[in-house]
Amino acid sequence: MERFRRKDTRGFTLVELALVLVIIGLLITGVLKGEALIQNAKIKKLVNQKDSLTAAYYAFYDRYNVYPGDENQASIPPNDTHNGNQDGQITGNEYWYLFEDLVLAQIINGNYNGTANSCPQNPYGSWAQIQWNAALQSNAVVFNAIPYDAAEQIDMKYDDGIYNTGAIRANSAYTTQTNKILYWRM
C-alpha cells in the first residue's frame, strides 16, 4: 500500500479551494455593485438634465415671453436666423431651433446651430430634445434610447410607474426589454 502513496503529489486543499471561491464571489459582487452604481449615476444625470432643460426653457420664456424655437420674430433672440410659428407647440424643425435660441440668448452653452441633429446628448449616448407630445398635450423633454429598466425606474420614482399614463411616458411597455423613448411633461 505504501508504494502507491506518492509523497511529491501536489494539489489544492479544500481550505485553499474554499478561499479561492470566496475571493471570486467577492470580486463578482463588487463588479455587480459597480454596475448598479453606474446605472444609478446615469439615471441621476438624466433627471438633472431634464431639470436643466426645463429651467432653460422657462428662463427663455420669462425673458422673451415666447418659447424658444417656437418664436417667430427675427430679433428674438439677437442674431437668430430661424423662426418658428409661435403656436406654443415645439414641432417640426422648431426642436432644432430651440437649442440654437437658448445658446443665442446665452442661457445654455453649446454649439447648436438650428439644424437637424443639433441637440444635446443624454447620459445614455443618444439625443435629448424638447418637443410637443400629443398624448401629454404639452411640450415635453424627450430622451431617446433609454434602457427599459432605467426608464421604468424613473417613471416609478417620479410618476406612476405605468408607461402610458401620467407625466412620464414611454413609447412601449417596460416589460419589453428594448430601449425606450421617454417623454417627460414640462
N, C-alpha and C. Protein backbone atom coordinates (compact mmCIF):
# COMPACT_ATOMS: atom_id res chain seq x y z
N MET A 1 0.80 -1.19 0.00
CA MET A 1 0.00 0.00 0.00
C MET A 1 0.85 1.26 0.00
N GLU A 2 1.91 1.15 0.75
CA GLU A 2 2.77 2.32 0.92
C GLU A 2 3.38 2.74 -0.41
N ARG A 3 3.60 1.84 -1.27
CA ARG A 3 4.23 2.20 -2.53
C ARG A 3 3.29 2.96 -3.46
N PHE A 4 1.97 2.89 -3.24
CA PHE A 4 1.03 3.63 -4.06
C PHE A 4 0.89 5.09 -3.62
N ARG A 5 1.30 5.36 -2.42
CA ARG A 5 1.26 6.74 -1.93
C ARG A 5 2.47 7.48 -2.44
N ARG A 6 2.21 8.63 -3.03
CA ARG A 6 3.32 9.42 -3.55
C ARG A 6 3.51 10.63 -2.67
N LYS A 7 4.68 10.87 -2.30
CA LYS A 7 4.97 11.99 -1.41
C LYS A 7 5.09 13.30 -2.17
N ASP A 8 5.34 13.29 -3.46
CA ASP A 8 5.51 14.53 -4.22
C ASP A 8 4.22 14.98 -4.93
N THR A 9 3.10 14.36 -4.61
CA THR A 9 1.83 14.76 -5.21
C THR A 9 1.45 16.13 -4.69
N ARG A 10 1.10 17.01 -5.60
CA ARG A 10 0.73 18.35 -5.20
C ARG A 10 -0.68 18.62 -5.66
N GLY A 11 -1.40 19.41 -4.88
CA GLY A 11 -2.78 19.76 -5.20
C GLY A 11 -3.27 20.81 -4.22
N PHE A 12 -4.49 21.19 -4.40
CA PHE A 12 -5.07 22.18 -3.51
C PHE A 12 -5.85 21.48 -2.42
N THR A 13 -5.74 22.03 -1.25
CA THR A 13 -6.56 21.50 -0.16
C THR A 13 -7.94 22.10 -0.26
N LEU A 14 -8.88 21.54 0.47
CA LEU A 14 -10.24 22.07 0.47
C LEU A 14 -10.29 23.50 1.00
N VAL A 15 -9.44 23.80 1.96
CA VAL A 15 -9.39 25.16 2.51
C VAL A 15 -8.93 26.15 1.45
N GLU A 16 -7.93 25.79 0.69
CA GLU A 16 -7.43 26.66 -0.37
C GLU A 16 -8.49 26.87 -1.45
N LEU A 17 -9.17 25.81 -1.85
CA LEU A 17 -10.23 25.94 -2.85
C LEU A 17 -11.38 26.81 -2.33
N ALA A 18 -11.74 26.64 -1.06
CA ALA A 18 -12.81 27.46 -0.48
C ALA A 18 -12.40 28.92 -0.45
N LEU A 19 -11.15 29.21 -0.13
CA LEU A 19 -10.66 30.58 -0.11
C LEU A 19 -10.71 31.21 -1.50
N VAL A 20 -10.33 30.49 -2.51
CA VAL A 20 -10.39 30.98 -3.89
C VAL A 20 -11.83 31.27 -4.29
N LEU A 21 -12.75 30.39 -3.95
CA LEU A 21 -14.17 30.61 -4.28
C LEU A 21 -14.73 31.84 -3.58
N VAL A 22 -14.33 32.06 -2.34
CA VAL A 22 -14.78 33.25 -1.60
C VAL A 22 -14.26 34.51 -2.29
N ILE A 23 -13.01 34.50 -2.68
CA ILE A 23 -12.42 35.67 -3.36
C ILE A 23 -13.13 35.93 -4.68
N ILE A 24 -13.39 34.90 -5.45
CA ILE A 24 -14.11 35.05 -6.72
C ILE A 24 -15.51 35.62 -6.47
N GLY A 25 -16.19 35.13 -5.45
CA GLY A 25 -17.51 35.64 -5.10
C GLY A 25 -17.48 37.11 -4.75
N LEU A 26 -16.47 37.52 -3.98
CA LEU A 26 -16.33 38.94 -3.62
C LEU A 26 -16.07 39.81 -4.84
N LEU A 27 -15.25 39.33 -5.76
CA LEU A 27 -14.98 40.08 -6.99
C LEU A 27 -16.24 40.24 -7.84
N ILE A 28 -16.99 39.18 -7.99
CA ILE A 28 -18.23 39.25 -8.77
C ILE A 28 -19.22 40.21 -8.12
N THR A 29 -19.35 40.14 -6.81
CA THR A 29 -20.25 41.05 -6.08
C THR A 29 -19.82 42.49 -6.28
N GLY A 30 -18.52 42.75 -6.22
CA GLY A 30 -18.00 44.10 -6.42
C GLY A 30 -18.30 44.63 -7.81
N VAL A 31 -18.14 43.79 -8.82
CA VAL A 31 -18.43 44.19 -10.20
C VAL A 31 -19.91 44.51 -10.36
N LEU A 32 -20.78 43.66 -9.82
CA LEU A 32 -22.22 43.89 -9.93
C LEU A 32 -22.63 45.16 -9.20
N LYS A 33 -22.08 45.40 -8.04
CA LYS A 33 -22.38 46.64 -7.30
C LYS A 33 -21.90 47.85 -8.08
N GLY A 34 -20.75 47.74 -8.71
CA GLY A 34 -20.21 48.83 -9.53
C GLY A 34 -21.12 49.16 -10.70
N GLU A 35 -21.66 48.13 -11.33
CA GLU A 35 -22.59 48.35 -12.45
C GLU A 35 -23.86 49.05 -11.97
N ALA A 36 -24.34 48.68 -10.80
CA ALA A 36 -25.54 49.32 -10.24
C ALA A 36 -25.26 50.79 -9.92
N LEU A 37 -24.07 51.07 -9.41
CA LEU A 37 -23.71 52.46 -9.12
C LEU A 37 -23.64 53.29 -10.39
N ILE A 38 -23.09 52.72 -11.44
CA ILE A 38 -23.02 53.42 -12.73
C ILE A 38 -24.42 53.69 -13.27
N GLN A 39 -25.30 52.69 -13.20
CA GLN A 39 -26.68 52.85 -13.66
C GLN A 39 -27.39 53.96 -12.88
N ASN A 40 -27.24 53.96 -11.55
CA ASN A 40 -27.88 54.99 -10.73
C ASN A 40 -27.32 56.37 -11.04
N ALA A 41 -26.03 56.47 -11.30
CA ALA A 41 -25.43 57.75 -11.65
C ALA A 41 -25.98 58.27 -12.97
N LYS A 42 -26.17 57.38 -13.95
CA LYS A 42 -26.73 57.80 -15.24
C LYS A 42 -28.18 58.27 -15.08
N ILE A 43 -28.93 57.59 -14.24
CA ILE A 43 -30.32 58.00 -14.01
C ILE A 43 -30.36 59.38 -13.36
N LYS A 44 -29.52 59.60 -12.36
CA LYS A 44 -29.47 60.92 -11.71
C LYS A 44 -29.04 62.00 -12.70
N LYS A 45 -28.09 61.68 -13.55
CA LYS A 45 -27.64 62.65 -14.55
C LYS A 45 -28.77 62.98 -15.54
N LEU A 46 -29.54 61.98 -15.92
CA LEU A 46 -30.67 62.20 -16.83
C LEU A 46 -31.73 63.09 -16.17
N VAL A 47 -32.04 62.84 -14.91
CA VAL A 47 -33.01 63.66 -14.18
C VAL A 47 -32.51 65.09 -14.07
N ASN A 48 -31.22 65.25 -13.77
CA ASN A 48 -30.64 66.60 -13.70
C ASN A 48 -30.67 67.30 -15.05
N GLN A 49 -30.46 66.54 -16.12
CA GLN A 49 -30.52 67.12 -17.46
C GLN A 49 -31.93 67.59 -17.76
N LYS A 50 -32.93 66.80 -17.38
CA LYS A 50 -34.32 67.20 -17.57
C LYS A 50 -34.60 68.49 -16.83
N ASP A 51 -34.16 68.58 -15.58
CA ASP A 51 -34.38 69.79 -14.78
C ASP A 51 -33.67 70.99 -15.40
N SER A 52 -32.47 70.80 -15.90
CA SER A 52 -31.72 71.89 -16.52
C SER A 52 -32.39 72.37 -17.81
N LEU A 53 -32.83 71.43 -18.63
CA LEU A 53 -33.50 71.81 -19.88
C LEU A 53 -34.81 72.55 -19.59
N THR A 54 -35.55 72.07 -18.60
CA THR A 54 -36.80 72.73 -18.22
C THR A 54 -36.53 74.14 -17.72
N ALA A 55 -35.51 74.30 -16.89
CA ALA A 55 -35.16 75.62 -16.37
C ALA A 55 -34.74 76.57 -17.49
N ALA A 56 -33.94 76.09 -18.44
CA ALA A 56 -33.52 76.92 -19.56
C ALA A 56 -34.71 77.32 -20.43
N TYR A 57 -35.59 76.39 -20.68
CA TYR A 57 -36.80 76.62 -21.49
C TYR A 57 -37.65 77.74 -20.87
N TYR A 58 -37.90 77.64 -19.57
CA TYR A 58 -38.73 78.65 -18.91
C TYR A 58 -37.99 79.96 -18.68
N ALA A 59 -36.67 79.93 -18.55
CA ALA A 59 -35.89 81.17 -18.44
C ALA A 59 -36.02 81.97 -19.73
N PHE A 60 -35.97 81.28 -20.87
CA PHE A 60 -36.16 81.95 -22.17
C PHE A 60 -37.56 82.54 -22.24
N TYR A 61 -38.55 81.76 -21.83
CA TYR A 61 -39.94 82.25 -21.86
C TYR A 61 -40.10 83.48 -20.96
N ASP A 62 -39.50 83.45 -19.79
CA ASP A 62 -39.59 84.59 -18.88
C ASP A 62 -38.95 85.84 -19.48
N ARG A 63 -37.86 85.66 -20.21
CA ARG A 63 -37.13 86.79 -20.78
C ARG A 63 -37.85 87.36 -22.00
N TYR A 64 -38.38 86.51 -22.89
CA TYR A 64 -38.91 86.97 -24.18
C TYR A 64 -40.42 86.79 -24.34
N ASN A 65 -41.06 86.11 -23.43
CA ASN A 65 -42.50 85.87 -23.46
C ASN A 65 -42.94 85.01 -24.66
N VAL A 66 -42.03 84.24 -25.18
CA VAL A 66 -42.31 83.23 -26.21
C VAL A 66 -41.41 82.02 -25.92
N TYR A 67 -41.79 80.86 -26.41
CA TYR A 67 -40.99 79.66 -26.18
C TYR A 67 -39.82 79.61 -27.16
N PRO A 68 -38.66 79.13 -26.70
CA PRO A 68 -37.53 79.02 -27.62
C PRO A 68 -37.85 78.04 -28.75
N GLY A 69 -37.39 78.37 -29.93
CA GLY A 69 -37.66 77.54 -31.10
C GLY A 69 -38.99 77.84 -31.74
N ASP A 70 -39.97 78.22 -30.94
CA ASP A 70 -41.32 78.50 -31.42
C ASP A 70 -41.50 79.98 -31.79
N GLU A 71 -40.56 80.82 -31.35
CA GLU A 71 -40.70 82.26 -31.61
C GLU A 71 -40.64 82.54 -33.10
N ASN A 72 -41.30 83.62 -33.54
CA ASN A 72 -41.32 83.94 -34.97
C ASN A 72 -40.88 85.38 -35.25
N GLN A 73 -40.02 85.90 -34.41
CA GLN A 73 -39.51 87.26 -34.59
C GLN A 73 -38.01 87.21 -34.77
N ALA A 74 -37.51 87.89 -35.78
CA ALA A 74 -36.09 87.83 -36.11
C ALA A 74 -35.21 88.39 -34.99
N SER A 75 -35.72 89.27 -34.18
CA SER A 75 -34.90 89.89 -33.13
C SER A 75 -34.89 89.09 -31.83
N ILE A 76 -35.61 87.98 -31.78
CA ILE A 76 -35.67 87.17 -30.56
C ILE A 76 -35.12 85.78 -30.86
N PRO A 77 -34.06 85.40 -30.23
CA PRO A 77 -33.08 86.22 -29.53
C PRO A 77 -32.20 86.94 -30.53
N PRO A 78 -31.34 87.83 -30.09
CA PRO A 78 -30.47 88.55 -31.04
C PRO A 78 -29.66 87.58 -31.90
N ASN A 79 -29.51 87.92 -33.17
CA ASN A 79 -28.75 87.14 -34.16
C ASN A 79 -29.40 85.82 -34.54
N ASP A 80 -30.68 85.67 -34.27
CA ASP A 80 -31.40 84.45 -34.61
C ASP A 80 -31.63 84.37 -36.12
N THR A 81 -31.44 83.19 -36.69
CA THR A 81 -31.66 83.02 -38.14
C THR A 81 -32.81 82.08 -38.45
N HIS A 82 -33.40 81.45 -37.42
CA HIS A 82 -34.50 80.53 -37.63
C HIS A 82 -35.70 80.97 -36.81
N ASN A 83 -36.88 80.83 -37.38
CA ASN A 83 -38.10 81.20 -36.66
C ASN A 83 -39.10 80.08 -36.69
N GLY A 84 -39.90 80.02 -35.64
CA GLY A 84 -40.98 79.05 -35.55
C GLY A 84 -42.29 79.71 -35.94
N ASN A 85 -43.40 79.12 -35.51
CA ASN A 85 -44.71 79.66 -35.88
C ASN A 85 -45.47 80.24 -34.69
N GLN A 86 -44.87 80.24 -33.52
CA GLN A 86 -45.40 80.82 -32.29
C GLN A 86 -46.80 80.31 -31.95
N ASP A 87 -46.98 78.98 -32.07
CA ASP A 87 -48.27 78.38 -31.70
C ASP A 87 -48.22 77.72 -30.32
N GLY A 88 -47.08 77.82 -29.64
CA GLY A 88 -46.95 77.24 -28.31
C GLY A 88 -46.53 75.78 -28.31
N GLN A 89 -46.44 75.18 -29.48
CA GLN A 89 -46.06 73.77 -29.59
C GLN A 89 -44.72 73.67 -30.32
N ILE A 90 -43.77 72.99 -29.72
CA ILE A 90 -42.46 72.78 -30.35
C ILE A 90 -42.60 71.58 -31.28
N THR A 91 -42.74 71.86 -32.58
CA THR A 91 -42.95 70.80 -33.57
C THR A 91 -42.02 71.02 -34.76
N GLY A 92 -41.92 70.00 -35.61
CA GLY A 92 -41.13 70.11 -36.84
C GLY A 92 -39.69 70.50 -36.54
N ASN A 93 -39.17 71.46 -37.30
CA ASN A 93 -37.79 71.91 -37.12
C ASN A 93 -37.62 72.76 -35.87
N GLU A 94 -38.70 73.14 -35.24
CA GLU A 94 -38.60 74.00 -34.06
C GLU A 94 -37.78 73.35 -32.94
N TYR A 95 -37.79 72.03 -32.84
CA TYR A 95 -36.98 71.45 -31.78
C TYR A 95 -35.50 71.51 -32.08
N TRP A 96 -35.11 71.75 -33.30
CA TRP A 96 -33.69 72.03 -33.60
C TRP A 96 -33.40 73.51 -33.30
N TYR A 97 -34.35 74.37 -33.64
CA TYR A 97 -34.17 75.81 -33.41
C TYR A 97 -34.10 76.14 -31.93
N LEU A 98 -34.79 75.36 -31.12
CA LEU A 98 -34.88 75.63 -29.69
C LEU A 98 -33.51 75.76 -29.03
N PHE A 99 -32.61 74.84 -29.30
CA PHE A 99 -31.30 74.88 -28.65
C PHE A 99 -30.45 76.02 -29.19
N GLU A 100 -30.60 76.33 -30.48
CA GLU A 100 -29.91 77.50 -31.03
C GLU A 100 -30.39 78.76 -30.31
N ASP A 101 -31.70 78.90 -30.12
CA ASP A 101 -32.24 80.07 -29.42
C ASP A 101 -31.70 80.17 -28.00
N LEU A 102 -31.60 79.04 -27.30
CA LEU A 102 -31.10 79.05 -25.93
C LEU A 102 -29.63 79.47 -25.87
N VAL A 103 -28.84 79.05 -26.87
CA VAL A 103 -27.43 79.45 -26.93
C VAL A 103 -27.33 80.93 -27.26
N LEU A 104 -28.08 81.40 -28.26
CA LEU A 104 -28.03 82.81 -28.64
C LEU A 104 -28.50 83.72 -27.51
N ALA A 105 -29.41 83.25 -26.70
CA ALA A 105 -29.88 84.02 -25.55
C ALA A 105 -28.92 83.90 -24.36
N GLN A 106 -27.85 83.14 -24.54
CA GLN A 106 -26.82 82.92 -23.52
C GLN A 106 -27.39 82.28 -22.25
N ILE A 107 -28.35 81.40 -22.44
CA ILE A 107 -28.93 80.66 -21.32
C ILE A 107 -28.21 79.33 -21.13
N ILE A 108 -27.80 78.71 -22.24
CA ILE A 108 -27.01 77.47 -22.18
C ILE A 108 -25.76 77.65 -23.03
N ASN A 109 -24.81 76.78 -22.83
CA ASN A 109 -23.62 76.74 -23.66
C ASN A 109 -23.75 75.58 -24.64
N GLY A 110 -23.07 75.70 -25.74
CA GLY A 110 -23.07 74.61 -26.70
C GLY A 110 -22.89 75.12 -28.11
N ASN A 111 -22.84 74.19 -29.03
CA ASN A 111 -22.64 74.52 -30.43
C ASN A 111 -23.85 74.03 -31.22
N TYR A 112 -25.00 74.60 -30.92
CA TYR A 112 -26.24 74.20 -31.57
C TYR A 112 -26.58 75.24 -32.62
N ASN A 113 -26.75 74.79 -33.86
CA ASN A 113 -26.92 75.73 -34.96
C ASN A 113 -28.30 75.69 -35.60
N GLY A 114 -29.25 75.02 -34.99
CA GLY A 114 -30.61 75.01 -35.51
C GLY A 114 -30.83 74.06 -36.66
N THR A 115 -29.89 73.17 -36.92
CA THR A 115 -30.05 72.21 -38.00
C THR A 115 -30.32 70.83 -37.41
N ALA A 116 -30.70 69.91 -38.27
CA ALA A 116 -31.05 68.55 -37.83
C ALA A 116 -29.94 67.95 -36.98
N ASN A 117 -30.37 67.25 -35.95
CA ASN A 117 -29.47 66.56 -35.02
C ASN A 117 -28.59 67.51 -34.22
N SER A 118 -29.00 68.77 -34.14
CA SER A 118 -28.26 69.75 -33.36
C SER A 118 -28.94 69.87 -31.99
N CYS A 119 -28.68 68.89 -31.14
CA CYS A 119 -29.28 68.88 -29.81
C CYS A 119 -28.34 68.15 -28.86
N PRO A 120 -28.55 68.32 -27.56
CA PRO A 120 -27.66 67.68 -26.58
C PRO A 120 -27.81 66.16 -26.56
N GLN A 121 -26.81 65.51 -25.99
CA GLN A 121 -26.86 64.07 -25.79
C GLN A 121 -27.32 63.77 -24.37
N ASN A 122 -28.08 62.69 -24.22
CA ASN A 122 -28.46 62.25 -22.88
C ASN A 122 -27.35 61.35 -22.33
N PRO A 123 -27.40 61.01 -21.04
CA PRO A 123 -26.34 60.18 -20.45
C PRO A 123 -26.16 58.80 -21.08
N TYR A 124 -27.14 58.34 -21.85
CA TYR A 124 -27.04 57.03 -22.48
C TYR A 124 -26.53 57.13 -23.92
N GLY A 125 -26.08 58.33 -24.32
CA GLY A 125 -25.41 58.49 -25.60
C GLY A 125 -26.28 58.84 -26.78
N SER A 126 -27.57 59.00 -26.60
CA SER A 126 -28.44 59.40 -27.70
C SER A 126 -28.92 60.83 -27.45
N TRP A 127 -29.91 61.27 -28.19
CA TRP A 127 -30.33 62.67 -28.13
C TRP A 127 -31.34 62.96 -27.03
N ALA A 128 -31.37 64.24 -26.68
CA ALA A 128 -32.39 64.79 -25.78
C ALA A 128 -32.98 66.00 -26.50
N GLN A 129 -34.30 66.13 -26.48
CA GLN A 129 -34.97 67.25 -27.15
C GLN A 129 -36.12 67.74 -26.31
N ILE A 130 -36.64 68.87 -26.71
CA ILE A 130 -37.92 69.35 -26.18
C ILE A 130 -38.84 69.44 -27.37
N GLN A 131 -40.00 68.80 -27.28
CA GLN A 131 -40.94 68.81 -28.40
C GLN A 131 -42.36 68.55 -27.90
N TRP A 132 -43.32 68.89 -28.74
CA TRP A 132 -44.73 68.70 -28.43
C TRP A 132 -45.04 67.21 -28.39
N ASN A 133 -45.81 66.82 -27.37
CA ASN A 133 -46.27 65.45 -27.29
C ASN A 133 -47.79 65.47 -27.21
N ALA A 134 -48.45 64.95 -28.21
CA ALA A 134 -49.91 64.99 -28.27
C ALA A 134 -50.55 64.21 -27.13
N ALA A 135 -49.98 63.09 -26.74
CA ALA A 135 -50.56 62.29 -25.66
C ALA A 135 -50.54 63.05 -24.34
N LEU A 136 -49.49 63.81 -24.11
CA LEU A 136 -49.38 64.60 -22.88
C LEU A 136 -50.08 65.96 -23.00
N GLN A 137 -50.40 66.35 -24.24
CA GLN A 137 -50.98 67.67 -24.51
C GLN A 137 -50.10 68.78 -23.93
N SER A 138 -48.79 68.61 -24.15
CA SER A 138 -47.82 69.54 -23.59
C SER A 138 -46.49 69.37 -24.32
N ASN A 139 -45.67 70.41 -24.25
CA ASN A 139 -44.28 70.23 -24.65
C ASN A 139 -43.63 69.35 -23.60
N ALA A 140 -42.70 68.52 -24.03
CA ALA A 140 -42.07 67.56 -23.13
C ALA A 140 -40.59 67.45 -23.44
N VAL A 141 -39.81 67.11 -22.42
CA VAL A 141 -38.42 66.75 -22.64
C VAL A 141 -38.44 65.30 -23.10
N VAL A 142 -37.77 65.02 -24.21
CA VAL A 142 -37.79 63.69 -24.80
C VAL A 142 -36.36 63.13 -24.80
N PHE A 143 -36.22 61.94 -24.25
CA PHE A 143 -34.93 61.26 -24.21
C PHE A 143 -35.02 60.00 -25.05
N ASN A 144 -34.09 59.82 -25.96
CA ASN A 144 -34.07 58.65 -26.83
C ASN A 144 -33.11 57.59 -26.29
N ALA A 145 -33.43 56.33 -26.57
CA ALA A 145 -32.57 55.18 -26.30
C ALA A 145 -32.25 55.02 -24.81
N ILE A 146 -33.28 55.09 -23.98
CA ILE A 146 -33.11 54.87 -22.55
C ILE A 146 -33.37 53.38 -22.28
N PRO A 147 -32.47 52.70 -21.59
CA PRO A 147 -32.72 51.29 -21.27
C PRO A 147 -34.05 51.10 -20.55
N TYR A 148 -34.75 50.03 -20.87
CA TYR A 148 -36.11 49.81 -20.35
C TYR A 148 -36.15 49.83 -18.83
N ASP A 149 -35.14 49.26 -18.17
CA ASP A 149 -35.17 49.22 -16.71
C ASP A 149 -34.92 50.59 -16.10
N ALA A 150 -34.09 51.41 -16.73
CA ALA A 150 -33.86 52.78 -16.26
C ALA A 150 -35.11 53.62 -16.47
N ALA A 151 -35.75 53.47 -17.63
CA ALA A 151 -36.99 54.21 -17.90
C ALA A 151 -38.07 53.86 -16.88
N GLU A 152 -38.21 52.59 -16.58
CA GLU A 152 -39.21 52.17 -15.60
C GLU A 152 -38.87 52.70 -14.20
N GLN A 153 -37.60 52.67 -13.86
CA GLN A 153 -37.18 53.17 -12.55
C GLN A 153 -37.49 54.67 -12.42
N ILE A 154 -37.24 55.44 -13.46
CA ILE A 154 -37.54 56.88 -13.44
C ILE A 154 -39.04 57.09 -13.32
N ASP A 155 -39.82 56.36 -14.10
CA ASP A 155 -41.28 56.50 -14.06
C ASP A 155 -41.83 56.13 -12.68
N MET A 156 -41.29 55.10 -12.08
CA MET A 156 -41.77 54.68 -10.76
C MET A 156 -41.41 55.71 -9.68
N LYS A 157 -40.24 56.30 -9.80
CA LYS A 157 -39.79 57.24 -8.77
C LYS A 157 -40.45 58.61 -8.91
N TYR A 158 -40.64 59.09 -10.13
CA TYR A 158 -41.11 60.45 -10.34
C TYR A 158 -42.55 60.54 -10.84
N ASP A 159 -43.19 59.40 -11.10
CA ASP A 159 -44.56 59.42 -11.61
C ASP A 159 -45.29 58.18 -11.11
N ASP A 160 -46.10 57.60 -11.99
CA ASP A 160 -46.97 56.50 -11.56
C ASP A 160 -46.45 55.10 -11.89
N GLY A 161 -45.34 55.00 -12.62
CA GLY A 161 -44.77 53.70 -12.94
C GLY A 161 -45.44 52.97 -14.08
N ILE A 162 -46.42 53.60 -14.72
CA ILE A 162 -47.13 52.98 -15.84
C ILE A 162 -46.69 53.70 -17.12
N TYR A 163 -46.29 52.94 -18.12
CA TYR A 163 -45.63 53.51 -19.29
C TYR A 163 -46.50 54.45 -20.12
N ASN A 164 -47.82 54.31 -20.06
CA ASN A 164 -48.67 55.11 -20.95
C ASN A 164 -49.63 56.04 -20.22
N THR A 165 -49.35 56.34 -18.95
CA THR A 165 -50.17 57.31 -18.21
C THR A 165 -49.25 58.22 -17.41
N GLY A 166 -49.79 59.33 -16.94
CA GLY A 166 -49.04 60.23 -16.08
C GLY A 166 -48.19 61.23 -16.84
N ALA A 167 -47.30 61.88 -16.13
CA ALA A 167 -46.46 62.93 -16.70
C ALA A 167 -45.20 62.39 -17.36
N ILE A 168 -44.87 61.13 -17.10
CA ILE A 168 -43.72 60.47 -17.75
C ILE A 168 -44.26 59.28 -18.51
N ARG A 169 -43.93 59.24 -19.79
CA ARG A 169 -44.44 58.14 -20.63
C ARG A 169 -43.32 57.58 -21.49
N ALA A 170 -43.50 56.33 -21.87
CA ALA A 170 -42.55 55.67 -22.75
C ALA A 170 -43.28 55.24 -24.02
N ASN A 171 -42.52 54.97 -25.06
CA ASN A 171 -43.12 54.59 -26.33
C ASN A 171 -43.64 53.16 -26.36
N SER A 172 -43.28 52.34 -25.36
CA SER A 172 -43.82 50.98 -25.26
C SER A 172 -43.69 50.50 -23.82
N ALA A 173 -44.33 49.38 -23.53
CA ALA A 173 -44.36 48.84 -22.16
C ALA A 173 -42.96 48.53 -21.67
N TYR A 174 -42.76 48.67 -20.38
CA TYR A 174 -41.46 48.40 -19.77
C TYR A 174 -41.15 46.91 -19.74
N THR A 175 -42.12 46.06 -19.98
CA THR A 175 -41.89 44.62 -19.98
C THR A 175 -41.10 44.18 -21.21
N THR A 176 -41.14 44.96 -22.29
CA THR A 176 -40.32 44.63 -23.45
C THR A 176 -38.92 45.18 -23.21
N GLN A 177 -37.94 44.33 -23.35
CA GLN A 177 -36.58 44.70 -22.99
C GLN A 177 -35.86 45.40 -24.13
N THR A 178 -36.48 46.45 -24.64
CA THR A 178 -35.87 47.27 -25.68
C THR A 178 -35.70 48.68 -25.13
N ASN A 179 -34.79 49.43 -25.72
CA ASN A 179 -34.61 50.82 -25.31
C ASN A 179 -35.88 51.60 -25.56
N LYS A 180 -36.12 52.58 -24.73
CA LYS A 180 -37.36 53.37 -24.79
C LYS A 180 -37.09 54.81 -25.19
N ILE A 181 -38.10 55.44 -25.74
CA ILE A 181 -38.14 56.89 -25.87
C ILE A 181 -38.98 57.36 -24.69
N LEU A 182 -38.40 58.21 -23.88
CA LEU A 182 -39.06 58.67 -22.66
C LEU A 182 -39.53 60.10 -22.85
N TYR A 183 -40.82 60.35 -22.63
CA TYR A 183 -41.43 61.68 -22.75
C TYR A 183 -41.77 62.17 -21.34
N TRP A 184 -41.24 63.33 -20.98
CA TRP A 184 -41.42 63.87 -19.63
C TRP A 184 -42.04 65.25 -19.73
N ARG A 185 -43.29 65.37 -19.30
CA ARG A 185 -44.02 66.63 -19.41
C ARG A 185 -43.25 67.76 -18.75
N MET A 186 -43.27 68.91 -19.42
CA MET A 186 -42.59 70.11 -18.88
C MET A 186 -43.33 70.63 -17.68
